[in-house]
Protein backbone atom coordinates (compact mmCIF):
# COMPACT_ATOMS: atom_id res chain seq x y z
CA UNK A 1 -0.05 0.02 0.15
CA UNK A 2 1.52 3.52 -0.97
CA UNK A 3 2.06 5.75 2.01
CA UNK A 4 1.15 9.12 0.53
CA UNK A 5 2.01 10.82 3.75
CA UNK A 6 5.77 9.71 3.58
CA UNK A 7 5.76 10.66 -0.29
CA UNK A 8 4.42 14.00 0.47
CA UNK A 9 6.93 14.50 3.18
CA UNK A 10 9.84 13.48 0.85
CA UNK A 11 8.64 15.78 -1.96
CA UNK A 12 8.13 18.62 0.25
CA UNK A 13 11.69 18.20 1.53
CA UNK A 14 13.21 18.03 -1.98
CA UNK A 15 11.38 21.00 -2.86
CA UNK A 16 12.45 23.00 0.28
CA UNK A 17 16.25 22.03 -0.20
CA UNK A 18 15.96 22.95 -3.87
CA UNK A 19 14.59 26.49 -3.05
CA UNK A 20 16.97 26.65 -0.19
CA UNK A 21 19.92 26.03 -2.41
CA UNK A 22 18.75 28.28 -5.06
CA UNK A 23 18.27 31.20 -2.68
CA UNK A 24 21.88 30.91 -1.39
CA UNK A 25 23.09 31.77 -5.00
CA UNK A 26 20.36 34.33 -5.50
CA UNK A 27 21.33 36.05 -2.24
CA UNK A 28 25.07 35.67 -1.98
CA UNK A 29 26.12 35.39 -5.58
CA UNK A 30 24.12 38.33 -7.00
CA UNK A 31 26.18 41.19 -8.79
CA UNK A 32 26.51 44.38 -6.75
CA UNK A 33 26.74 46.35 -9.92
CA UNK A 34 24.03 49.06 -10.54
CA UNK A 35 23.10 49.99 -14.23
CA UNK A 36 21.42 53.02 -15.74
CA UNK A 37 23.54 55.68 -14.40
CA UNK A 38 25.16 58.68 -16.39
CA UNK A 39 28.84 59.06 -16.53
CA UNK A 40 29.80 62.15 -14.45
CA UNK A 41 32.92 63.74 -15.87
CA UNK A 42 35.09 66.87 -14.62
CA UNK A 43 33.40 70.08 -15.13
CA UNK A 44 33.94 72.06 -18.50
CA UNK A 45 36.43 74.45 -17.04
CA UNK A 46 38.65 71.70 -15.83
CA UNK A 47 41.95 71.44 -17.89
CA UNK A 48 43.16 68.01 -18.56
CA UNK A 49 46.47 67.52 -17.12
CA UNK A 50 47.38 64.82 -19.90
CA UNK A 51 46.31 63.82 -23.42
CA UNK A 52 47.25 60.17 -22.82
CA UNK A 53 47.57 57.52 -20.27
CA UNK A 54 50.09 54.60 -20.21
CA UNK A 55 49.11 51.99 -17.65
CA UNK A 56 51.57 49.16 -16.91
CA UNK A 57 50.60 46.22 -14.87
CA UNK A 58 53.45 43.94 -13.39
CA UNK A 59 51.25 40.92 -12.75
CA UNK A 60 52.38 39.32 -9.68
CA UNK A 61 54.93 41.74 -8.58
CA UNK A 62 55.34 42.13 -4.89
CA UNK A 63 55.94 45.70 -3.53
CA UNK A 64 58.92 44.61 -1.32
CA UNK A 65 60.81 42.88 -4.25
CA UNK A 66 60.64 46.07 -6.44
CA UNK A 67 61.47 48.71 -3.73
CA UNK A 68 64.16 46.87 -1.63
CA UNK A 69 67.88 47.00 -2.45
CA UNK A 70 69.38 43.77 -3.75
CA UNK A 71 71.02 41.65 -1.00
CA UNK A 72 74.17 40.95 -2.97
CA UNK A 73 74.95 44.29 -4.73
CA UNK A 74 73.21 46.89 -2.49
CA UNK A 75 71.67 48.46 -5.69
CA UNK A 76 68.07 48.59 -6.78
CA UNK A 77 66.69 45.81 -8.86
CA UNK A 78 64.71 48.43 -10.99
CA UNK A 79 67.06 51.42 -11.25
CA UNK A 80 64.69 53.41 -13.62
CA UNK A 81 61.64 53.16 -11.48
CA UNK A 82 63.65 53.96 -8.43
CA UNK A 83 64.84 57.28 -10.14
CA UNK A 84 61.18 58.00 -10.72
CA UNK A 85 60.36 57.59 -7.07
CA UNK A 86 63.38 59.70 -5.89
CA UNK A 87 63.52 62.39 -8.50
CA UNK A 88 60.36 62.70 -10.72
CA UNK A 89 57.17 61.09 -9.52
CA UNK A 90 54.87 59.71 -6.70
CA UNK A 91 54.83 56.22 -5.34
CA UNK A 92 53.29 54.11 -2.69
CA UNK A 93 51.95 50.57 -1.86
CA UNK A 94 48.53 49.42 -3.04
CA UNK A 95 46.88 47.18 -0.40
CA UNK A 96 44.74 44.78 -2.58
CA UNK A 97 41.70 42.72 -1.28
CA UNK A 98 41.14 39.12 -1.32
CA UNK A 99 40.87 37.11 -3.54
CA UNK A 100 44.38 38.15 -4.71
CA UNK A 101 43.90 36.91 -8.23
CA UNK A 102 44.58 38.30 -11.69
CA UNK A 103 41.09 38.87 -12.90
CA UNK A 104 39.44 40.72 -9.84
CA UNK A 105 42.87 42.57 -9.25
CA UNK A 106 42.66 44.01 -12.82
CA UNK A 107 38.89 44.68 -12.51
CA UNK A 108 39.73 46.68 -9.25
CA UNK A 109 42.67 48.54 -11.20
CA UNK A 110 40.77 49.33 -14.28
CA UNK A 111 36.95 49.45 -13.23
CA UNK A 112 37.09 50.55 -9.72
CA UNK A 113 35.27 47.75 -7.99
CA UNK A 114 36.10 44.72 -6.10
CA UNK A 115 35.15 41.10 -6.59
CA UNK A 116 31.78 40.43 -8.30
CA UNK A 117 30.48 37.07 -6.57
CA UNK A 118 28.44 36.53 -9.76
CA UNK A 119 31.77 35.64 -11.70
CA UNK A 120 31.31 32.13 -10.14
CA UNK A 121 28.79 31.39 -12.99
CA UNK A 122 31.77 31.97 -15.38
CA UNK A 123 34.19 29.74 -13.60
CA UNK A 124 35.82 33.03 -12.06
CA UNK A 125 37.27 33.78 -15.51
CA UNK A 126 34.84 36.63 -16.76
CA UNK A 127 32.35 39.01 -15.25
CA UNK A 128 28.80 37.74 -16.16
CA UNK A 129 27.46 41.42 -15.79
CA UNK A 130 28.52 44.12 -18.14
CA UNK A 131 30.56 46.78 -16.42
CA UNK A 132 31.99 50.03 -17.20
CA UNK A 133 35.84 50.84 -17.08
CA UNK A 134 38.48 53.13 -17.77
CA UNK A 135 38.83 51.83 -21.25
CA UNK A 136 35.33 52.29 -21.89
CA UNK A 137 35.37 56.06 -21.06
CA UNK A 138 38.45 56.61 -23.18
CA UNK A 139 38.29 57.72 -26.81
CA UNK A 140 40.51 54.80 -27.66
CA UNK A 141 42.44 52.21 -26.03
CA UNK A 142 45.19 49.92 -27.16
CA UNK A 143 46.07 46.90 -24.89
CA UNK A 144 48.73 44.38 -25.12
CA UNK A 145 49.50 41.15 -23.23
CA UNK A 146 47.76 38.01 -22.01
CA UNK A 147 44.68 36.35 -23.44
CA UNK A 148 43.60 35.77 -19.79
CA UNK A 149 42.97 39.51 -19.06
CA UNK A 150 42.50 41.59 -22.13
CA UNK A 151 39.38 40.11 -23.56
CA UNK A 152 36.99 40.93 -20.59
CA UNK A 153 37.89 44.65 -20.86
CA UNK A 154 37.21 44.61 -24.76
CA UNK A 155 33.60 43.03 -24.66
CA UNK A 156 31.06 45.53 -26.28
CA UNK A 157 33.91 48.05 -26.65
CA UNK A 158 34.90 48.40 -30.33
CA UNK A 159 37.27 51.27 -29.55
CA UNK A 160 39.36 48.92 -27.48
CA UNK A 161 42.29 47.29 -29.69
CA UNK A 162 43.77 44.22 -28.28
CA UNK A 163 47.05 42.57 -29.25
CA UNK A 164 47.56 39.21 -27.43
CA UNK A 165 49.95 36.28 -27.57
CA UNK A 166 48.68 32.75 -27.73
CA UNK A 167 48.15 30.76 -24.76
CA UNK A 168 50.83 28.50 -25.83
CA UNK A 169 53.44 31.07 -25.21
CA UNK A 170 52.58 30.90 -21.51
CA UNK A 171 55.20 28.11 -20.53
CA UNK A 172 55.46 27.53 -16.80
CA UNK A 173 58.46 25.32 -17.32
CA UNK A 174 60.89 28.11 -18.62
CA UNK A 175 61.76 31.72 -18.17
CA UNK A 176 58.54 33.64 -18.91
CA UNK A 177 60.23 37.26 -19.19
CA UNK A 178 59.82 36.78 -22.90
CA UNK A 179 56.02 37.42 -22.55
CA UNK A 180 56.98 40.98 -21.22
CA UNK A 181 59.46 41.43 -24.20
CA UNK A 182 56.65 40.50 -26.58
CA UNK A 183 54.64 43.34 -25.24
CA UNK A 184 57.09 46.00 -25.35
CA UNK A 185 58.13 44.75 -28.89
CA UNK A 186 54.45 45.08 -30.11
CA UNK A 187 53.95 48.42 -28.80
CA UNK A 188 57.04 49.56 -30.58
CA UNK A 189 55.90 47.89 -33.65
CA UNK A 190 52.49 49.77 -33.51
CA UNK A 191 54.24 53.22 -33.40
CA UNK A 192 56.43 51.98 -36.20
CA UNK A 193 53.32 51.18 -38.31
CA UNK A 194 51.76 54.48 -37.62
CA UNK A 195 54.61 56.24 -39.56
CA UNK A 196 53.11 54.90 -42.77
CA UNK A 197 49.43 54.78 -41.47
CA UNK A 198 47.94 58.51 -41.31
CA UNK A 199 44.76 57.05 -39.78
CA UNK A 200 46.51 55.17 -36.99
CA UNK A 201 48.79 58.13 -36.39
CA UNK A 202 45.74 60.45 -36.04
CA UNK A 203 44.23 58.22 -33.59
CA UNK A 204 47.50 57.86 -31.54
CA UNK A 205 47.58 61.74 -31.34
CA UNK A 206 44.13 62.19 -30.07
CA UNK A 207 43.20 63.23 -26.58
CA UNK A 208 41.89 60.76 -23.85
CA UNK A 209 43.61 57.63 -25.22
CA UNK A 210 44.80 54.81 -23.02
CA UNK A 211 47.70 52.33 -23.57
CA UNK A 212 47.59 49.35 -21.17
CA UNK A 213 50.49 46.95 -20.95
CA UNK A 214 49.82 43.67 -19.26
CA UNK A 215 53.21 42.28 -18.16
CA UNK A 216 52.71 38.53 -17.15
CA UNK A 217 56.20 37.30 -17.02
CA UNK A 218 56.62 38.05 -13.17
CA UNK A 219 53.50 36.04 -12.18
CA UNK A 220 54.45 33.11 -14.30
CA UNK A 221 58.06 33.03 -13.00
CA UNK A 222 56.72 33.63 -9.52
CA UNK A 223 54.94 30.31 -9.72
CA UNK A 224 57.35 28.32 -11.45
CA UNK A 225 60.71 29.72 -9.61
CA UNK A 226 59.19 31.41 -6.59
CA UNK A 227 59.84 35.34 -5.94
CA UNK A 228 62.86 34.66 -3.89
CA UNK A 229 64.61 33.35 -6.98
CA UNK A 230 67.26 34.97 -9.36
CA UNK A 231 65.06 34.29 -12.19
CA UNK A 232 62.20 36.59 -10.65
CA UNK A 233 64.88 39.18 -9.63
CA UNK A 234 66.24 39.18 -13.19
CA UNK A 235 62.53 39.57 -14.63
CA UNK A 236 62.17 42.53 -12.44
CA UNK A 237 65.39 44.09 -14.06
CA UNK A 238 64.12 43.31 -17.54
CA UNK A 239 60.58 44.90 -16.74
CA UNK A 240 62.30 48.01 -15.47
CA UNK A 241 64.40 48.32 -18.53
CA UNK A 242 61.35 47.68 -20.73
CA UNK A 243 59.44 50.50 -18.82
CA UNK A 244 62.16 52.77 -19.65
CA UNK A 245 62.15 51.73 -23.12
CA UNK A 246 58.40 52.57 -23.44
CA UNK A 247 58.88 55.97 -21.69
CA UNK A 248 61.63 56.85 -24.21
CA UNK A 249 59.42 55.79 -26.98
CA UNK A 250 56.59 58.08 -26.02
CA UNK A 251 59.09 60.85 -25.54
CA UNK A 252 60.25 60.43 -29.00
CA UNK A 253 56.91 59.96 -30.65
CA UNK A 254 55.04 62.74 -28.85
CA UNK A 255 57.55 65.02 -27.24
CA UNK A 256 54.71 67.28 -25.60
CA UNK A 257 54.92 66.35 -21.90
CA UNK A 258 51.28 65.31 -22.18
CA UNK A 259 51.64 61.54 -21.08
CA UNK A 260 50.94 60.23 -17.66
CA UNK A 261 52.25 56.95 -16.52
CA UNK A 262 51.27 54.55 -13.91
CA UNK A 263 53.06 51.35 -12.99
CA UNK A 264 51.38 48.95 -10.54
CA UNK A 265 50.53 45.40 -10.05
CA UNK A 266 47.24 43.20 -9.64
CA UNK A 267 48.58 41.00 -6.56
CA UNK A 268 51.75 39.89 -4.84
CA UNK A 269 53.22 36.29 -4.66
CA UNK A 270 53.97 34.24 -1.65
CA UNK A 271 57.29 32.49 -1.09
CA UNK A 272 55.58 29.20 -2.02
CA UNK A 273 54.74 30.65 -5.35
CA UNK A 274 51.02 31.06 -4.89
CA UNK A 275 48.52 33.85 -4.32
CA UNK A 276 44.93 34.17 -3.56
CA UNK A 277 44.90 34.71 0.16
CA UNK A 278 45.02 37.94 2.26
CA UNK A 279 48.59 37.74 3.42
CA UNK A 280 50.80 40.79 3.04
CA UNK A 281 53.06 38.99 0.45
CA UNK A 282 49.83 38.84 -1.62
CA UNK A 283 48.19 42.11 -0.81
CA UNK A 284 50.89 44.55 -1.06
CA UNK A 285 51.71 45.81 -4.45
CA UNK A 286 53.70 48.78 -5.82
CA UNK A 287 52.31 51.93 -7.36
CA UNK A 288 54.68 54.31 -9.04
CA UNK A 289 53.02 57.28 -11.06
CA UNK A 290 54.84 60.08 -13.00
CA UNK A 291 54.51 62.32 -15.95
CA UNK A 292 51.71 64.88 -16.72
CA UNK A 293 49.53 65.82 -13.82
CA UNK A 294 51.30 63.93 -11.27
CA UNK A 295 53.27 65.52 -8.42
CA UNK A 296 57.03 65.12 -7.83
CA UNK A 297 58.47 63.38 -4.75
CA UNK A 298 58.19 65.20 -1.42
CA UNK A 299 59.79 64.77 1.92
CA UNK A 300 57.77 62.83 4.68
CA UNK A 301 55.84 64.78 7.37
CA UNK A 302 57.94 63.81 10.51
CA UNK A 303 59.44 60.40 11.37
CA UNK A 304 57.78 57.63 9.43
CA UNK A 305 58.28 53.83 10.15
CA UNK A 306 56.12 52.71 7.20
CA UNK A 307 59.14 51.91 4.89
CA UNK A 308 61.17 48.97 5.80
CA UNK A 309 64.95 49.70 6.35
CA UNK A 310 65.94 47.57 3.36
CA UNK A 311 63.98 49.71 1.00
CA UNK A 312 66.02 52.88 1.81
CA UNK A 313 63.30 55.10 0.86
CA UNK A 314 62.66 56.85 4.23
CA UNK A 315 63.42 60.14 2.75
CA UNK A 316 60.49 60.27 0.30
CA UNK A 317 56.82 60.59 1.37
CA UNK A 318 54.82 57.29 0.65
CA UNK A 319 51.01 57.82 0.14
CA UNK A 320 49.61 54.24 0.04
CA UNK A 321 46.49 53.69 -2.07
CA UNK A 322 43.63 51.08 -2.08
CA UNK A 323 43.50 48.62 -4.91
CA UNK A 324 40.48 50.39 -6.84
CA UNK A 325 42.37 53.79 -6.50
CA UNK A 326 43.91 53.70 -9.84
CA UNK A 327 40.65 53.74 -11.68
CA UNK A 328 39.58 57.23 -10.78
CA UNK A 329 43.40 58.27 -10.49
CA UNK A 330 44.05 57.10 -14.18
CA UNK A 331 40.53 58.58 -15.36
CA UNK A 332 41.29 62.20 -14.25
CA UNK A 333 44.56 62.46 -16.31
CA UNK A 334 43.10 62.64 -19.73
CA UNK A 335 39.87 64.29 -18.59
CA UNK A 336 37.63 61.40 -18.69
CA UNK A 337 34.87 60.44 -16.23
CA UNK A 338 35.76 57.62 -13.69
CA UNK A 339 34.14 54.29 -14.43
CA UNK A 340 30.53 54.23 -13.44
CA UNK A 341 30.73 51.20 -11.01
CA UNK A 342 33.90 52.53 -9.41
CA UNK A 343 33.86 52.65 -5.53
CA UNK A 344 37.29 54.19 -5.11
CA UNK A 345 38.33 57.51 -3.62
CA UNK A 346 40.47 59.69 -5.81
CA UNK A 347 43.92 59.67 -4.26
CA UNK A 348 44.57 63.55 -4.57
CA UNK A 349 47.80 63.07 -2.83
CA UNK A 350 49.22 61.77 -5.90
CA UNK A 351 48.08 64.79 -8.15
CA UNK A 352 50.04 67.99 -8.86
CA UNK A 353 48.77 71.30 -7.87
CA UNK A 354 46.52 70.00 -5.02
């Protein structure tokens, strides 16, 4: 004889648990992004400090490994960036949020908001909800680097050009600094093409343009060789040389002192060659900014113990920033509105004249 009471209880329990599981995703994995807003740019009387922005991301670069002096030589592993810190620009440490991964780190850097829980529906690789970014608000953006990062900022943005190497280039079994060299070489190749392409040249000389260089070598070498290895240190040196190469290129091509440069990172790297958690090794990343609209170095106000002794930078003021701060900071240079979904506060201590 069928016991309908037991069957009813089983069906009711099944439905209840099904609704309960769905409600968890609906409540906790709902995107926090709000749509329908209007971009709010600076007032008309505001004069843009820069015509163009160059944003360089050293993926997986720890702040301490960039700023500290080399243990063996007593000299900086990044002499060009150190000269910028001491003589020309502004620097600090960006305190990133968990998860310290490349996708949410770059979303915070370029779009100004933190991890979107709804990304779980895309395997944490893409953001399922359309969002605004620094690139969207530009007149044109050229981005170079990894296929893991660039595509999500080019969706529904026809004015964002991407040049990416293939996934086969990302070899975790060998020195990955060639990934960074690929980026530097392709930026130079683009400018060489512009000499015989008037349309491209006109676009490059426009206002409110952005150049994004994603440098994945340090992250790959950090995983394979650890961030205290000679390979990682040599990669910092090669990135520093590449950054100087790019700066000299822009000086030759434009020569108008109207370029702003920001060098930063999405996350750090633990001594085990991993990242993702909230340890200081993973959350403290460097920020170095210089060029048009960015203030020069200043002496610290009173004694400061923020800088470790091995950095030897106690004589330069260090204004730290939050991970999403580069989004409004970089937007203000070419006089564009900050990304609509940005929750960051503009770090005015990095700006000249304020």
